[in-house]
Structure formats: C-alpha cells, structure tokens
Amino acid sequence: MLTGTPFIPETITVHLGFPDSEAPDVTVGFASYVKNVASSEIYPTWPESALRANIYAIVSFALNRIYTEWYRSRGYSFDITATTQFDQKFINGREYFENISYLVDELFNDYVRRQGRVEPLFTAFCNGTTTTCAGLSQWGTVTLANRGYTPYEILQYYYGEDIDIVKNAPVQTAMPSFPDTELKNGSFGNDVKYIQVWLNRISGNFPAIPKIPAADGIFDSATEAAVTKFQQVFGLEVTGTVNAATWYRITYIYTSVKRLAELDSEGVRFEEISPQFAEELRIGMQSIEVSMLQYYLAVIGAYYEAVIPVEITGYFGEQTERSVKSFQRVFGLPQTGVVDRATRNDLYRAYEGIAESVPSQYTAVALYPGTVLREGARGDSVRTIQQYLTYINRSYPDIPAVSDTGYFGPLTRQSVTAFQRQFGIDPSGIVGAVTWDRIAGVYSDLRFGFDKRPYQNPGYTIK
C-alpha cells in the first residue's frame, strides 16, 4: 500500500501466533479487529481520554503494518500477528466491552501521523508497568487523563509535538501494491514512478545502486540499470525487470532504510507518493492520457468485434465510456466505465497481444509497440520511428532526418521534438502512443497517399 495515501481497509488478516508458526490466519473487519485489541489491551474503566488515546495508537499501529506491507513484503500471507511480542494482543472470538466498542465505531478511521508525512505513525506502546518502551505507556495515559490531558495532548506527550490526527480516512478494499503486471524498459505509469523514488532513496544506503536522474514514471535505461544492480546486491534473479519478487523486495528495503515501522521513522513525504499520471480515467476528463486510452481502445476495437471502437480526441465522452464498458464486459471486469488499475492492466495486455499477433502485411504502418520510447532506448521500434521521421523530412524539412540505427539518441530526440512542435503535440521528445500514432499517420499519408492507421478497417480479426 506504499503507493498512495493511506486508507482504512475493510478487513485485516491476523496470524494467531508467531510469524513463522503454523498457527491459522483469520480475516476480520478492521473495526472489529480494533475493538478486539482494545478490549484485550486496556480496561473499560479507564478515563475516556485515556481510552481514546489508546485507540488512536492501536489503529495507527495496525495501519502502519498494512501500509508498509510489513509482513506481506516478507512473503507472509497476513497483515499482522496476534502476539504482543511482535504486534498487538488479539484474542480470536472474544467479546468486546460496550463503551470501547462505541468509541471504536467513532474512531476506527482516524490515525496518527507526523506533520508533513504520509504514513500512519508506528505508534509503539507498552503497558508501562511490567514492560516499558520508548512509546506510549498504557497505564501512563490514565495518569495523564486524570490530570486533565486531552487525547491529543496525551499522544503528543508520548510521540512528540509534531503529530497530526487524520480524521475520517476513507474505507476501501485493500489490494496488494504490486501492479499485477511486470514493469520493464518502456513501461510507464505511477507504479514505475514509485519504483524510481524507492530505488533512489535506497541508493543513499546502498551507493552501488545508481541514481535514476528522472523519476518521471517512464521506465528507461537508467531505471533498468538501477533495478539490475538492486537485484545483484540483494541476490534476486537479474533481469532488469520488476516482477512481484523484485517489487516486494524493493518495498521491504525501502521500508527498512526509511525506518517506516519504527517510532523515529524518516517518514514518507507527500511528493514521494504523488501520482505522475491520473490514477483513474473517467467521463468528463480531457488529457493526453485519455488520447492514449483511446488509441488502445481504437486498436482493440478494430480486432475485437465486441469492443466498441472510438475516435482519438483526447476527451473522455460518452462514446469512450461506452467503449470502456464494452471492453470491461469482454474481459470480465466490473462494467463501471472507469479506467482503474485493473482495467488499465487488461487493456495493455490485450493491446500487446494484438501487437504481437497481427501479421505486418495487414498494416500499412506499424502498431505502437506498447512501450514508451525515449532517449537511451534501443530496438526495432526505434528503428521504425527513425525511418518514418526520415521519410517525413522529405516534405517537412524542419523535421530532421535521422539514421535508422535503432538507438534513440539526441538526434532522434531532436527530430521527435521537431515533429511534435510541427503537429501541435507537447514537445517532450518522448514517443508514446499519441506521438507514435501521429507520426505513423503522417508517414502513411505521405508515402501511400492516404492516412491509414492499423485501427481503420484492418481486414484481419484475431480468432
């Protein structure tokens, strides 16, 4: 869950023993879990301010375990254990104290964090009598409450003046942070940005891992080099790509070097988890990302009869929403018309399947390869775009011709940027779906006398 702002999960999975024991796991509602722990850890006769302070600490501790994926990043299938040696006391099946239950219903979606930080604070606590610790003393909260301290003042006493209490955090279904698709050279999106930010921070403790100059959500050669070195340093299979094993190892090391599961945490800043791209695309939006979505839908709609094709306008209107719903229906997704992570992943997979399956003789111009091309990229797709740009140069001399070396160097970037300026596209020097589509269209028009794209009457259907 390190990939965004914390939320309250609907459920939490508790291991009823030590982490490596064969004890069973139970999944319970998050509020029910907090009621259980609070009824097991503290006394209902305590002053209300003490009860509230302790509930805040219990909620924040559990959320920290979930947010950092403390156990799941280590390969476990649960979120937290039921033992105080590692976590908080949970007694499966116990009854709750009535007044504690009422307070938890009010407070279960509030948590503590450091000011200017994102993650729920690791609110370490102990009973303060038989055990003591650097965090909150449960019996000490009673003393402070009897002195007239408010719950917030009690928490400040133990955790410092620089804390906030986040109120009414949203409740939603918790999902693993791994994007369910392998990230590789040419991939793009918020998940790539998170990996880049995490690796750059890890490199501060492990300088053999090279810094990634542009943590902009595009998986380039610098990102590949950092991933490769990370895999070498930590004994993973060296592929230069991020699968589930590499993803969770990176999150584990990042959590460790940032001390996110410790009271003196370095903390996660808001800019570290701010999305580079829109998390969801929906009706009414207008952006380059919508144009990219429409390109994928246009191609998929040309080869899948049940998917409604769209025009590439950059505006997410009713036509695009109908197309998205038709795609979701075909691929067994909830038909919301909203492009979330699951829809986006299946969209990319469907598109890649087409790009790999369609014989080249059925397209006047090549399909977008499905991966962003930028300076440092290599391969046949780079060679193709270089050939297109060189042909376009005959009619548009301001767009420089480039040798078809298959290497995306400064001259290719210069030519791409010139093309983008000529045709009203953001001059980023990067070739995504929209730029590729426009270059291919101009090339087709100049060479064949008609603007024929792969998604226009392809004459070929994938069986």
Protein backbone atom coordinates (compact mmCIF):
# COMPACT_ATOMS: atom_id res chain seq x y z
CA MET A 1 0.00 0.00 0.00
CA LEU A 2 3.07 2.26 -0.13
CA THR A 3 1.84 3.53 -3.50
CA GLY A 4 -0.65 6.12 -2.25
CA THR A 5 -2.36 7.92 0.59
CA PRO A 6 -3.33 5.60 3.45
CA PHE A 7 -6.90 4.40 3.76
CA ILE A 8 -8.79 2.20 6.19
CA PRO A 9 -9.01 -1.39 4.88
CA GLU A 10 -12.34 -3.14 5.11
CA THR A 11 -10.62 -6.20 6.60
CA ILE A 12 -7.33 -7.21 8.19
CA THR A 13 -5.78 -10.68 8.25
CA VAL A 14 -4.34 -11.72 11.61
CA HIS A 15 -1.89 -14.60 12.19
CA LEU A 16 -2.75 -16.26 15.50
CA GLY A 17 0.83 -16.91 16.56
CA PHE A 18 4.46 -16.02 15.90
CA PRO A 19 5.17 -15.07 12.26
CA ASP A 20 6.85 -18.38 11.36
CA SER A 21 4.50 -20.60 13.35
CA GLU A 22 1.91 -22.86 11.73
CA ALA A 23 -0.92 -21.06 13.53
CA PRO A 24 -4.00 -20.24 11.45
CA ASP A 25 -4.85 -16.88 9.91
CA VAL A 26 -8.20 -15.16 10.45
CA THR A 27 -9.61 -12.28 8.42
CA VAL A 28 -11.88 -9.90 10.33
CA GLY A 29 -13.37 -6.47 9.76
CA PHE A 30 -10.89 -3.72 10.61
CA ALA A 31 -13.18 -2.06 13.17
CA SER A 32 -13.82 -5.46 14.77
CA TYR A 33 -10.07 -6.02 14.98
CA VAL A 34 -9.56 -2.70 16.79
CA LYS A 35 -12.40 -3.49 19.21
CA ASN A 36 -10.80 -6.87 19.95
CA VAL A 37 -7.33 -5.44 20.56
CA ALA A 38 -8.63 -2.54 22.65
CA SER A 39 -10.75 -4.91 24.77
CA SER A 40 -7.67 -7.15 25.21
CA GLU A 41 -5.08 -4.42 25.87
CA ILE A 42 -6.85 -1.78 28.02
CA TYR A 43 -9.53 -1.51 30.70
CA PRO A 44 -13.03 -0.14 30.09
CA THR A 45 -12.99 1.65 33.47
CA TRP A 46 -10.19 4.00 32.40
CA PRO A 47 -10.96 7.70 31.78
CA GLU A 48 -12.37 8.36 28.32
CA SER A 49 -9.38 10.50 27.27
CA ALA A 50 -7.05 7.59 28.04
CA LEU A 51 -9.28 5.16 26.13
CA ARG A 52 -9.37 7.44 23.10
CA ALA A 53 -5.59 7.96 23.10
CA ASN A 54 -5.02 4.20 23.26
CA ILE A 55 -7.49 3.52 20.44
CA TYR A 56 -5.72 6.06 18.23
CA ALA A 57 -2.45 4.24 18.96
CA ILE A 58 -3.96 0.80 18.23
CA VAL A 59 -5.43 1.96 14.90
CA SER A 60 -2.22 3.69 13.80
CA PHE A 61 -0.04 0.71 14.72
CA ALA A 62 -2.19 -1.67 12.65
CA LEU A 63 -2.37 0.75 9.71
CA ASN A 64 1.40 1.11 9.72
CA ARG A 65 1.75 -2.66 9.39
CA ILE A 66 -0.68 -2.64 6.46
CA TYR A 67 0.67 0.50 4.76
CA THR A 68 4.28 -0.70 4.83
CA GLU A 69 3.19 -4.26 3.93
CA TRP A 70 5.50 -5.24 6.77
CA TYR A 71 4.67 -8.94 6.67
CA ARG A 72 3.42 -9.31 3.09
CA SER A 73 6.64 -7.84 1.69
CA ARG A 74 8.44 -10.64 3.54
CA GLY A 75 6.37 -13.32 1.84
CA TYR A 76 3.74 -13.85 4.55
CA SER A 77 0.04 -14.04 3.71
CA PHE A 78 -1.18 -11.94 6.64
CA ASP A 79 -1.07 -8.30 7.79
CA ILE A 80 -0.29 -8.61 11.48
CA THR A 81 0.20 -11.16 14.25
CA ALA A 82 -1.87 -11.67 17.41
CA THR A 83 1.08 -11.67 19.80
CA THR A 84 2.44 -8.70 21.77
CA GLN A 85 5.99 -9.95 21.19
CA PHE A 86 5.62 -8.60 17.66
CA ASP A 87 2.40 -6.62 17.42
CA GLN A 88 -0.82 -6.19 19.44
CA LYS A 89 -2.84 -8.59 21.60
CA PHE A 90 -5.71 -10.17 19.66
CA ILE A 91 -7.88 -12.94 21.14
CA ASN A 92 -9.86 -14.58 18.40
CA GLY A 93 -13.58 -14.77 19.19
CA ARG A 94 -13.55 -12.67 22.34
CA GLU A 95 -16.38 -10.30 23.30
CA TYR A 96 -15.90 -6.52 23.36
CA PHE A 97 -16.51 -4.06 26.17
CA GLU A 98 -19.55 -1.95 25.32
CA ASN A 99 -18.05 1.50 25.88
CA ILE A 100 -14.87 0.56 24.00
CA SER A 101 -16.99 -0.73 21.11
CA TYR A 102 -18.84 2.61 20.90
CA LEU A 103 -15.57 4.58 20.91
CA VAL A 104 -14.03 2.39 18.20
CA ASP A 105 -17.07 2.89 15.97
CA GLU A 106 -16.31 6.62 16.20
CA LEU A 107 -12.51 6.45 15.93
CA PHE A 108 -11.54 3.44 13.79
CA ASN A 109 -10.91 5.58 10.69
CA ASP A 110 -8.76 8.17 12.49
CA TYR A 111 -4.99 7.70 12.80
CA VAL A 112 -1.80 9.43 13.91
CA ARG A 113 0.95 10.65 11.59
CA ARG A 114 3.88 13.05 11.70
CA GLN A 115 3.18 16.51 10.32
CA GLY A 116 4.23 16.71 6.67
CA ARG A 117 4.38 12.93 6.40
CA VAL A 118 2.03 10.42 4.82
CA GLU A 119 2.30 7.05 6.53
CA PRO A 120 0.46 6.16 9.77
CA LEU A 121 2.92 6.58 12.62
CA PHE A 122 4.37 3.42 14.12
CA THR A 123 2.74 4.11 17.48
CA ALA A 124 4.76 1.76 19.66
CA PHE A 125 3.24 1.23 23.10
CA CYS A 126 3.55 -0.96 26.19
CA ASN A 127 1.66 -1.31 29.46
CA GLY A 128 4.16 0.85 31.37
CA THR A 129 4.30 -1.45 34.39
CA THR A 130 5.68 -4.90 33.61
CA THR A 131 7.19 -3.59 30.35
CA THR A 132 8.40 -0.17 29.33
CA CYS A 133 9.28 1.23 25.91
CA ALA A 134 10.08 4.43 24.03
CA GLY A 135 6.45 4.85 23.01
CA LEU A 136 3.15 5.22 24.80
CA SER A 137 2.63 3.85 28.31
CA GLN A 138 -0.89 2.48 28.58
CA TRP A 139 -1.11 2.99 32.34
CA GLY A 140 0.64 6.32 31.94
CA THR A 141 -2.26 7.53 29.79
CA VAL A 142 -4.53 7.05 32.82
CA THR A 143 -2.36 9.31 34.92
CA LEU A 144 -2.29 12.00 32.22
CA ALA A 145 -6.05 11.74 31.65
CA ASN A 146 -6.65 12.22 35.38
CA ARG A 147 -4.54 15.38 35.16
CA GLY A 148 -6.91 16.73 32.53
CA TYR A 149 -4.91 15.94 29.36
CA THR A 150 -6.94 15.60 26.18
CA PRO A 151 -6.39 12.53 23.94
CA TYR A 152 -4.31 14.64 21.52
CA GLU A 153 -2.20 16.04 24.37
CA ILE A 154 -1.62 12.51 25.67
CA LEU A 155 -0.40 11.41 22.25
CA GLN A 156 1.84 14.49 22.00
CA TYR A 157 3.31 13.68 25.39
CA TYR A 158 4.50 10.29 24.14
CA TYR A 159 5.08 10.82 20.42
CA GLY A 160 6.12 14.47 20.23
CA GLU A 161 4.57 17.82 19.39
CA ASP A 162 4.79 17.28 15.61
CA ILE A 163 1.89 14.87 15.19
CA ASP A 164 -1.46 15.19 13.45
CA ILE A 165 -4.59 13.11 13.79
CA VAL A 166 -6.07 12.31 10.39
CA LYS A 167 -9.86 12.24 10.69
CA ASN A 168 -12.35 10.15 8.69
CA ALA A 169 -9.87 8.42 6.37
CA PRO A 170 -11.72 6.64 3.54
CA VAL A 171 -12.60 2.98 3.90
CA GLN A 172 -11.90 0.76 0.89
CA THR A 173 -10.83 -2.72 -0.08
CA ALA A 174 -7.12 -3.29 0.48
CA MET A 175 -5.22 -4.61 -2.53
CA PRO A 176 -1.59 -5.72 -2.87
CA SER A 177 0.61 -2.88 -4.05
CA PHE A 178 2.22 -4.94 -6.83
CA PRO A 179 0.54 -3.78 -10.06
CA ASP A 180 -0.05 -7.35 -11.30
CA THR A 181 1.98 -6.73 -14.41
CA GLU A 182 5.74 -6.86 -14.90
CA LEU A 183 7.44 -3.48 -15.24
CA LYS A 184 10.18 -3.30 -17.86
CA ASN A 185 12.11 -0.93 -20.09
CA GLY A 186 9.49 1.19 -21.88
CA SER A 187 6.75 0.72 -19.27
CA PHE A 188 5.21 3.85 -17.83
CA GLY A 189 2.81 4.87 -15.10
CA ASN A 190 2.63 5.68 -11.41
CA ASP A 191 3.95 2.26 -10.40
CA VAL A 192 7.13 2.98 -12.34
CA LYS A 193 7.47 6.33 -10.59
CA TYR A 194 7.15 4.70 -7.17
CA ILE A 195 9.87 2.19 -8.03
CA GLN A 196 12.13 5.03 -9.19
CA VAL A 197 11.56 7.05 -5.99
CA TRP A 198 12.14 4.00 -3.80
CA LEU A 199 15.34 2.96 -5.60
CA ASN A 200 16.74 6.50 -5.41
CA ARG A 201 16.19 6.52 -1.64
CA ILE A 202 17.65 3.02 -1.24
CA SER A 203 20.75 4.09 -3.17
CA GLY A 204 21.52 6.51 -0.35
CA ASN A 205 22.24 3.50 1.86
CA PHE A 206 23.50 1.25 -0.93
CA PRO A 207 25.55 3.56 -3.22
CA ALA A 208 26.34 0.72 -5.65
CA ILE A 209 22.77 1.20 -6.92
CA PRO A 210 22.91 4.10 -9.42
CA LYS A 211 20.59 7.07 -9.08
CA ILE A 212 17.78 7.48 -11.62
CA PRO A 213 18.04 11.07 -12.93
CA ALA A 214 14.37 11.41 -13.95
CA ALA A 215 11.86 9.79 -11.61
CA ASP A 216 9.06 10.63 -14.03
CA GLY A 217 7.20 7.34 -14.33
CA ILE A 218 8.91 6.19 -17.54
CA PHE A 219 10.99 3.02 -17.24
CA ASP A 220 14.15 3.99 -19.13
CA SER A 221 17.66 2.58 -19.37
CA ALA A 222 18.69 4.35 -16.14
CA THR A 223 15.80 2.69 -14.31
CA GLU A 224 16.73 -0.66 -15.81
CA ALA A 225 20.33 -0.21 -14.63
CA ALA A 226 19.18 0.60 -11.09
CA VAL A 227 16.82 -2.39 -11.00
CA THR A 228 19.57 -4.67 -12.32
CA LYS A 229 22.06 -3.53 -9.68
CA PHE A 230 19.42 -3.83 -6.94
CA GLN A 231 18.77 -7.43 -8.00
CA GLN A 232 22.52 -8.16 -7.94
CA VAL A 233 23.00 -6.58 -4.50
CA PHE A 234 20.08 -8.43 -2.91
CA GLY A 235 20.51 -11.81 -4.54
CA LEU A 236 17.50 -11.78 -6.85
CA GLU A 237 17.30 -13.13 -10.37
CA VAL A 238 18.98 -10.46 -12.50
CA THR A 239 16.51 -9.50 -15.23
CA GLY A 240 16.36 -5.71 -15.15
CA THR A 241 12.57 -6.03 -14.90
CA VAL A 242 10.32 -5.69 -11.86
CA ASN A 243 8.21 -8.76 -11.12
CA ALA A 244 6.41 -9.45 -7.84
CA ALA A 245 9.55 -10.76 -6.11
CA THR A 246 11.61 -7.69 -7.03
CA TRP A 247 8.75 -5.30 -6.24
CA TYR A 248 8.28 -6.61 -2.70
CA ARG A 249 11.99 -6.80 -2.04
CA ILE A 250 12.28 -3.14 -3.04
CA THR A 251 9.38 -2.17 -0.75
CA TYR A 252 10.93 -4.17 2.09
CA ILE A 253 14.33 -2.48 1.76
CA TYR A 254 12.71 0.94 1.30
CA THR A 255 10.66 0.46 4.48
CA SER A 256 13.84 -0.61 6.30
CA VAL A 257 16.07 2.30 5.24
CA LYS A 258 13.28 4.81 5.92
CA ARG A 259 12.53 3.11 9.28
CA LEU A 260 8.83 3.39 8.46
CA ALA A 261 7.97 0.72 11.01
CA GLU A 262 9.87 2.44 13.81
CA LEU A 263 8.94 5.30 16.12
CA ASP A 264 11.77 7.51 14.80
CA SER A 265 10.69 6.99 11.18
CA GLU A 266 12.18 9.18 8.49
CA GLY A 267 8.68 9.31 7.03
CA VAL A 268 7.20 9.37 3.54
CA ARG A 269 6.73 12.86 2.09
CA PHE A 270 3.63 13.69 0.08
CA GLU A 271 5.65 14.35 -3.06
CA GLU A 272 7.05 10.81 -2.90
CA ILE A 273 3.61 9.27 -3.39
CA SER A 274 2.01 11.97 -5.53
CA PRO A 275 0.87 10.34 -8.79
CA GLN A 276 2.65 11.25 -12.03
CA PHE A 277 -0.36 10.09 -14.03
CA ALA A 278 -4.09 10.09 -13.28
CA GLU A 279 -4.96 7.11 -11.08
CA GLU A 280 -8.31 6.73 -12.85
CA LEU A 281 -9.73 7.97 -16.13
CA ARG A 282 -13.45 8.72 -16.29
CA ILE A 283 -16.08 10.62 -18.25
CA GLY A 284 -15.51 14.38 -18.49
CA MET A 285 -11.69 14.22 -18.39
CA GLN A 286 -9.52 15.66 -21.15
CA SER A 287 -5.80 14.91 -21.36
CA ILE A 288 -3.01 13.20 -23.27
CA GLU A 289 -3.69 10.12 -21.14
CA VAL A 290 -7.24 9.99 -22.48
CA SER A 291 -5.81 10.14 -26.02
CA MET A 292 -3.56 7.19 -25.17
CA LEU A 293 -6.53 5.28 -23.77
CA GLN A 294 -8.50 5.99 -26.94
CA TYR A 295 -5.64 4.76 -29.12
CA TYR A 296 -5.62 1.42 -27.30
CA LEU A 297 -9.40 1.15 -27.48
CA ALA A 298 -9.38 2.06 -31.17
CA VAL A 299 -6.91 -0.72 -31.97
CA ILE A 300 -8.59 -3.28 -29.72
CA GLY A 301 -11.98 -2.32 -31.14
CA ALA A 302 -10.71 -2.95 -34.66
CA TYR A 303 -9.74 -6.54 -33.85
CA TYR A 304 -12.33 -7.49 -31.21
CA GLU A 305 -15.84 -7.35 -32.60
CA ALA A 306 -17.47 -6.89 -29.18
CA VAL A 307 -15.32 -3.88 -28.21
CA ILE A 308 -16.72 -0.56 -29.45
CA PRO A 309 -14.01 1.47 -31.25
CA VAL A 310 -13.52 5.19 -30.52
CA GLU A 311 -12.14 8.30 -32.13
CA ILE A 312 -8.92 9.70 -30.71
CA THR A 313 -9.96 13.15 -29.46
CA GLY A 314 -8.38 13.42 -26.01
CA TYR A 315 -11.81 13.95 -24.44
CA PHE A 316 -13.44 11.20 -22.38
CA GLY A 317 -17.05 11.46 -23.52
CA GLU A 318 -20.00 9.10 -23.70
CA GLN A 319 -18.53 7.26 -26.72
CA THR A 320 -15.35 6.50 -24.79
CA GLU A 321 -17.32 5.44 -21.72
CA ARG A 322 -19.37 3.01 -23.82
CA SER A 323 -16.17 1.64 -25.33
CA VAL A 324 -14.59 1.16 -21.90
CA LYS A 325 -17.72 -0.65 -20.65
CA SER A 326 -17.71 -2.92 -23.70
CA PHE A 327 -14.04 -3.74 -23.07
CA GLN A 328 -14.73 -4.45 -19.41
CA ARG A 329 -17.62 -6.73 -20.38
CA VAL A 330 -15.46 -8.72 -22.82
CA PHE A 331 -12.66 -9.13 -20.27
CA GLY A 332 -14.83 -9.96 -17.28
CA LEU A 333 -14.31 -6.73 -15.35
CA PRO A 334 -16.95 -4.68 -13.49
CA GLN A 335 -18.66 -2.55 -16.14
CA THR A 336 -18.07 0.83 -14.50
CA GLY A 337 -16.87 2.81 -17.49
CA VAL A 338 -13.99 3.99 -15.30
CA VAL A 339 -10.43 3.05 -16.21
CA ASP A 340 -8.85 1.88 -12.96
CA ARG A 341 -5.67 -0.14 -12.45
CA ALA A 342 -7.31 -3.50 -13.26
CA THR A 343 -8.88 -2.16 -16.47
CA ARG A 344 -5.64 -0.47 -17.47
CA ASN A 345 -3.63 -3.67 -16.96
CA ASP A 346 -6.02 -5.77 -19.04
CA LEU A 347 -6.12 -3.04 -21.68
CA TYR A 348 -2.33 -3.16 -22.05
CA ARG A 349 -2.32 -6.96 -22.11
CA ALA A 350 -5.00 -7.06 -24.81
CA TYR A 351 -3.15 -4.47 -26.87
CA GLU A 352 0.19 -6.28 -26.53
CA GLY A 353 -1.50 -9.49 -27.66
CA ILE A 354 -2.69 -7.73 -30.82
CA ALA A 355 0.68 -6.09 -31.49
CA GLU A 356 2.39 -9.49 -31.21
CA SER A 357 -0.23 -11.39 -33.24
CA VAL A 358 -1.15 -9.19 -36.19
CA PRO A 359 0.90 -10.04 -39.30
CA SER A 360 2.80 -6.99 -40.57
CA GLN A 361 1.28 -7.32 -44.06
CA TYR A 362 -2.10 -6.35 -42.65
CA THR A 363 -0.93 -2.89 -41.56
CA ALA A 364 0.26 -0.05 -43.77
CA VAL A 365 2.09 1.33 -40.77
CA ALA A 366 3.39 -0.39 -37.66
CA LEU A 367 1.37 -0.62 -34.48
CA TYR A 368 2.64 1.30 -31.47
CA PRO A 369 4.97 -1.15 -29.66
CA GLY A 370 3.19 -0.64 -26.34
CA THR A 371 6.24 0.84 -24.63
CA VAL A 372 7.33 4.46 -24.36
CA LEU A 373 10.42 5.35 -26.38
CA ARG A 374 12.82 7.99 -25.11
CA GLU A 375 16.49 8.86 -25.28
CA GLY A 376 18.57 5.78 -24.46
CA ALA A 377 16.05 3.27 -25.87
CA ARG A 378 17.13 0.68 -28.44
CA GLY A 379 15.42 -1.79 -30.75
CA ASP A 380 13.35 -2.32 -33.86
CA SER A 381 10.64 0.09 -32.72
CA VAL A 382 13.20 2.89 -32.51
CA ARG A 383 14.44 1.97 -35.98
CA THR A 384 10.88 2.10 -37.34
CA ILE A 385 10.19 5.55 -35.95
CA GLN A 386 13.54 6.78 -37.30
CA GLN A 387 12.59 5.54 -40.78
CA TYR A 388 9.21 7.27 -40.56
CA LEU A 389 10.75 10.56 -39.46
CA THR A 390 13.36 10.44 -42.22
CA TYR A 391 10.63 9.91 -44.83
CA ILE A 392 8.58 12.77 -43.33
CA ASN A 393 11.66 15.00 -43.60
CA ARG A 394 11.25 14.99 -47.41
CA SER A 395 8.07 17.05 -47.06
CA TYR A 396 8.81 18.75 -43.75
CA PRO A 397 12.48 19.80 -43.82
CA ASP A 398 12.21 21.37 -40.35
CA ILE A 399 11.87 17.82 -39.00
CA PRO A 400 15.43 16.43 -39.17
CA ALA A 401 16.15 13.13 -40.88
CA VAL A 402 17.89 10.54 -38.69
CA SER A 403 19.83 7.37 -39.40
CA ASP A 404 17.90 4.17 -38.69
CA THR A 405 20.40 2.87 -36.15
CA GLY A 406 17.82 1.53 -33.71
CA TYR A 407 19.33 3.71 -30.98
CA PHE A 408 17.30 6.64 -29.62
CA GLY A 409 19.99 9.27 -29.21
CA PRO A 410 19.98 13.09 -29.05
CA LEU A 411 19.42 13.45 -32.82
CA THR A 412 16.33 11.22 -32.70
CA ARG A 413 15.01 13.19 -29.74
CA GLN A 414 15.60 16.41 -31.68
CA SER A 415 13.65 15.04 -34.65
CA VAL A 416 10.78 13.80 -32.45
CA THR A 417 10.60 17.16 -30.69
CA ALA A 418 10.50 19.00 -34.02
CA PHE A 419 7.68 16.74 -35.22
CA GLN A 420 5.71 17.34 -32.03
CA ARG A 421 6.05 21.11 -32.40
CA GLN A 422 5.03 20.93 -36.07
CA PHE A 423 1.86 18.95 -35.27
CA GLY A 424 0.76 20.55 -32.01
CA ILE A 425 1.87 17.86 -29.56
CA ASP A 426 3.63 18.61 -26.28
CA PRO A 427 7.31 18.74 -27.37
CA SER A 428 8.63 16.25 -24.83
CA GLY A 429 10.94 14.37 -27.20
CA ILE A 430 9.30 11.16 -25.97
CA VAL A 431 7.34 8.79 -28.20
CA GLY A 432 4.20 7.49 -26.54
CA ALA A 433 1.05 6.14 -28.17
CA VAL A 434 -0.22 9.56 -29.30
CA THR A 435 3.05 10.70 -30.88
CA TRP A 436 3.58 7.30 -32.49
CA ASP A 437 0.07 7.35 -33.93
CA ARG A 438 0.51 10.84 -35.37
CA ILE A 439 3.95 10.08 -36.87
CA ALA A 440 2.55 6.87 -38.41
CA GLY A 441 -0.43 8.76 -39.84
CA VAL A 442 1.68 11.48 -41.45
CA TYR A 443 4.07 8.87 -42.82
CA SER A 444 1.18 6.83 -44.25
CA ASP A 445 -0.39 9.88 -45.87
CA LEU A 446 2.90 10.98 -47.47
CA ARG A 447 4.03 7.57 -48.64
CA PHE A 448 0.77 5.88 -49.67
CA GLY A 449 -1.46 8.85 -50.38
CA PHE A 450 -3.90 8.07 -47.57
CA ASP A 451 -3.89 8.27 -43.80
CA LYS A 452 -4.37 4.58 -42.95
CA ARG A 453 -3.94 3.56 -39.32
CA PRO A 454 -3.86 -0.02 -38.01
CA TYR A 455 -7.24 0.52 -36.34
CA GLN A 456 -9.04 1.59 -39.51
CA ASN A 457 -10.63 -1.38 -41.34
CA PRO A 458 -7.68 -3.69 -40.65
CA GLY A 459 -9.14 -6.57 -42.65
CA TYR A 460 -7.84 -9.04 -40.08
CA THR A 461 -9.51 -10.42 -36.97
CA ILE A 462 -7.82 -12.32 -34.18
CA LYS A 463 -9.54 -15.65 -33.77
